[in-house]
């Protein structure tokens, strides 16, 4: 960190630059990610920088939205952050979409497995509640009896997420 998020920013800017060639509407940019991709999507949407493209909506599945669930002395993500949460609390805080959320965030759709042993659903659930407190539209779908991997391929969650994105990108008559 922060190389991953910077790579995502460059990719978004490149996509917007190619929108006409791809016959895409750069004004209807949405993000969708799962697990680490969900984290990066949420962080892009909650911590925009000047010059970043505008995001219409975000789908974040199985996403770590804060890192409080990781014990402070754990080295589980030290390779990503350069140290433990105890050693580098500011880096973990800066990489937390929950900590970056403001009332200016776009609408969010979260889905998370009830039995996710890798990323506790409480992480994304706290983000969902924070967004609601800020007045940001947020939907939360807890996928029953699914762990981290099976939630990724859950067809009901996927259909609901697509419906959510359509509601934020389709012109209404």
Protein backbone atom coordinates (compact mmCIF):
# COMPACT_ATOMS: atom_id res chain seq x y z
CA UNK A 1 0.00 0.00 0.00
CA UNK A 2 -0.51 2.51 -1.51
CA UNK A 3 0.80 1.06 -4.80
CA UNK A 4 -2.34 -1.03 -5.32
CA UNK A 5 -4.71 1.92 -5.05
CA UNK A 6 -2.49 4.07 -7.25
CA UNK A 7 -2.51 1.33 -9.93
CA UNK A 8 -6.32 1.32 -9.72
CA UNK A 9 -6.44 5.10 -10.16
CA UNK A 10 -4.29 4.87 -13.28
CA UNK A 11 -6.47 2.06 -14.63
CA UNK A 12 -9.64 4.10 -14.08
CA UNK A 13 -8.16 7.12 -15.80
CA UNK A 14 -7.07 4.91 -18.70
CA UNK A 15 -10.56 3.43 -18.96
CA UNK A 16 -12.15 6.87 -19.03
CA UNK A 17 -9.68 7.94 -21.73
CA UNK A 18 -10.74 4.92 -23.83
CA UNK A 19 -14.48 5.26 -23.17
CA UNK A 20 -15.35 6.67 -26.58
CA UNK A 21 -13.33 4.01 -28.37
CA UNK A 22 -15.06 1.30 -26.30
CA UNK A 23 -18.46 2.96 -26.85
CA UNK A 24 -18.83 3.36 -23.11
CA UNK A 25 -20.29 6.22 -21.11
CA UNK A 26 -17.53 7.54 -18.86
CA UNK A 27 -20.19 9.42 -16.91
CA UNK A 28 -21.68 6.14 -15.66
CA UNK A 29 -18.61 4.60 -14.11
CA UNK A 30 -19.27 1.97 -11.46
CA UNK A 31 -16.87 -0.18 -9.49
CA UNK A 32 -17.28 -3.84 -8.61
CA UNK A 33 -14.79 -5.85 -6.65
CA UNK A 34 -14.61 -8.88 -4.43
CA UNK A 35 -12.36 -9.41 -1.41
CA UNK A 36 -9.22 -7.32 -2.02
CA UNK A 37 -10.91 -5.95 -5.14
CA UNK A 38 -13.91 -4.95 -3.04
CA UNK A 39 -11.58 -3.20 -0.62
CA UNK A 40 -9.87 -1.28 -3.43
CA UNK A 41 -13.20 -0.36 -5.04
CA UNK A 42 -14.50 0.94 -1.72
CA UNK A 43 -11.30 2.88 -1.07
CA UNK A 44 -11.34 4.47 -4.54
CA UNK A 45 -14.90 5.60 -3.95
CA UNK A 46 -14.37 6.94 -0.43
CA UNK A 47 -10.97 8.58 -0.90
CA UNK A 48 -11.07 10.25 -4.33
CA UNK A 49 -8.35 12.64 -5.39
CA UNK A 50 -8.56 15.65 -7.67
CA UNK A 51 -8.71 14.41 -11.24
CA UNK A 52 -10.20 11.01 -10.38
CA UNK A 53 -13.24 10.08 -12.45
CA UNK A 54 -16.62 10.31 -10.75
CA UNK A 55 -18.04 7.00 -9.50
CA UNK A 56 -21.81 6.40 -9.83
CA UNK A 57 -22.03 3.34 -7.58
CA UNK A 58 -19.95 0.61 -5.95
CA UNK A 59 -20.46 -3.12 -5.43
CA UNK A 60 -18.15 -4.53 -2.77
CA UNK A 61 -18.33 -8.22 -1.95
CA UNK A 62 -16.47 -9.90 0.89
CA UNK A 63 -14.57 -6.66 1.34
CA UNK A 64 -12.39 -5.74 4.29
CA UNK A 65 -13.56 -2.17 4.93
CA UNK A 66 -11.51 -1.64 8.04
CA UNK A 67 -8.71 -3.65 9.57
CA UNK A 68 -9.77 -3.76 13.20
CA UNK A 69 -10.46 -7.49 12.87
CA UNK A 70 -6.75 -8.13 12.40
CA UNK A 71 -4.92 -8.39 15.72
CA UNK A 72 -2.54 -5.44 16.15
CA UNK A 73 0.55 -7.66 16.32
CA UNK A 74 -0.49 -9.97 13.47
CA UNK A 75 1.83 -10.12 10.48
CA UNK A 76 -1.00 -11.34 8.20
CA UNK A 77 -0.95 -8.15 6.10
CA UNK A 78 2.55 -6.93 6.93
CA UNK A 79 3.62 -7.76 3.36
CA UNK A 80 0.91 -5.39 2.07
CA UNK A 81 1.41 -2.52 4.52
CA UNK A 82 5.09 -2.86 5.37
CA UNK A 83 4.48 -3.82 8.99
CA UNK A 84 1.84 -4.80 11.51
CA UNK A 85 -1.13 -2.68 12.53
CA UNK A 86 0.67 -1.97 15.83
CA UNK A 87 3.77 -0.78 13.96
CA UNK A 88 1.98 1.27 11.28
CA UNK A 89 -1.46 2.29 12.56
CA UNK A 90 -1.64 5.32 10.24
CA UNK A 91 -1.11 3.16 7.14
CA UNK A 92 -3.89 0.79 8.15
CA UNK A 93 -6.17 3.72 8.96
CA UNK A 94 -5.46 5.43 5.62
CA UNK A 95 -6.23 2.18 3.77
CA UNK A 96 -9.55 1.78 5.57
CA UNK A 97 -12.58 2.76 3.46
CA UNK A 98 -14.56 3.04 6.71
CA UNK A 99 -12.18 5.72 7.99
CA UNK A 100 -12.31 7.61 4.68
CA UNK A 101 -16.10 7.55 4.23
CA UNK A 102 -17.89 10.90 3.91
CA UNK A 103 -21.35 12.02 2.92
CA UNK A 104 -19.98 12.55 -0.59
CA UNK A 105 -19.47 8.80 -1.19
CA UNK A 106 -21.45 7.21 -4.01
CA UNK A 107 -24.15 4.59 -3.34
CA UNK A 108 -22.83 1.22 -2.15
CA UNK A 109 -24.06 -2.36 -2.42
CA UNK A 110 -22.37 -4.84 -0.09
CA UNK A 111 -22.65 -8.61 -0.10
CA UNK A 112 -20.83 -10.82 2.35
CA UNK A 113 -20.94 -14.46 3.36
CA UNK A 114 -22.46 -15.24 6.74
CA UNK A 115 -19.73 -17.85 7.32
CA UNK A 116 -16.79 -15.92 5.88
CA UNK A 117 -13.78 -17.04 7.92
CA UNK A 118 -11.29 -14.89 5.99
CA UNK A 119 -12.96 -11.48 6.25
CA UNK A 120 -15.58 -11.19 8.99
CA UNK A 121 -18.85 -9.80 7.69
CA UNK A 122 -18.80 -7.28 10.54
CA UNK A 123 -16.12 -5.36 8.62
CA UNK A 124 -18.35 -4.53 5.66
CA UNK A 125 -21.41 -4.29 7.89
CA UNK A 126 -19.75 -1.50 9.90
CA UNK A 127 -19.01 0.31 6.63
CA UNK A 128 -22.64 -0.08 5.55
CA UNK A 129 -23.88 1.40 8.84
CA UNK A 130 -21.35 4.24 8.66
CA UNK A 131 -22.51 5.17 5.15
CA UNK A 132 -26.14 5.14 6.27
CA UNK A 133 -25.26 7.38 9.22
CA UNK A 134 -23.64 9.79 6.74
CA UNK A 135 -26.79 9.79 4.59
CA UNK A 136 -25.24 7.74 1.78
CA UNK A 137 -27.42 5.12 0.12
CA UNK A 138 -26.16 1.67 1.07
CA UNK A 139 -27.62 -1.80 0.69
CA UNK A 140 -26.32 -4.83 2.57
CA UNK A 141 -26.89 -8.48 1.68
CA UNK A 142 -25.68 -11.17 4.03
CA UNK A 143 -25.42 -14.39 2.04
CA UNK A 144 -26.63 -17.21 4.30
CA UNK A 145 -24.49 -20.26 4.97
CA UNK A 146 -21.68 -19.18 2.60
CA UNK A 147 -18.01 -18.69 3.23
CA UNK A 148 -15.63 -16.37 1.41
CA UNK A 149 -15.27 -18.31 -1.86
CA UNK A 150 -18.84 -19.51 -2.33
CA UNK A 151 -20.19 -16.01 -1.72
CA UNK A 152 -18.09 -14.83 -4.67
CA UNK A 153 -20.09 -17.04 -7.03
CA UNK A 154 -23.51 -16.68 -5.37
CA UNK A 155 -26.00 -16.06 -8.18
CA UNK A 156 -28.57 -14.31 -5.97
CA UNK A 157 -26.01 -11.80 -4.73
CA UNK A 158 -24.80 -11.22 -8.30
CA UNK A 159 -28.35 -10.61 -9.60
CA UNK A 160 -29.10 -8.19 -6.76
CA UNK A 161 -25.85 -6.33 -7.37
CA UNK A 162 -26.59 -6.00 -11.09
CA UNK A 163 -30.07 -4.69 -10.32
CA UNK A 164 -28.53 -2.15 -7.92
CA UNK A 165 -26.05 -0.96 -10.56
CA UNK A 166 -28.77 -0.69 -13.20
CA UNK A 167 -30.82 1.47 -10.85
CA UNK A 168 -27.90 3.91 -10.66
CA UNK A 169 -26.93 3.94 -14.31
CA UNK A 170 -30.18 3.69 -16.26
CA UNK A 171 -32.07 6.78 -17.28
CA UNK A 172 -35.56 6.79 -15.89
CA UNK A 173 -38.39 8.03 -18.13
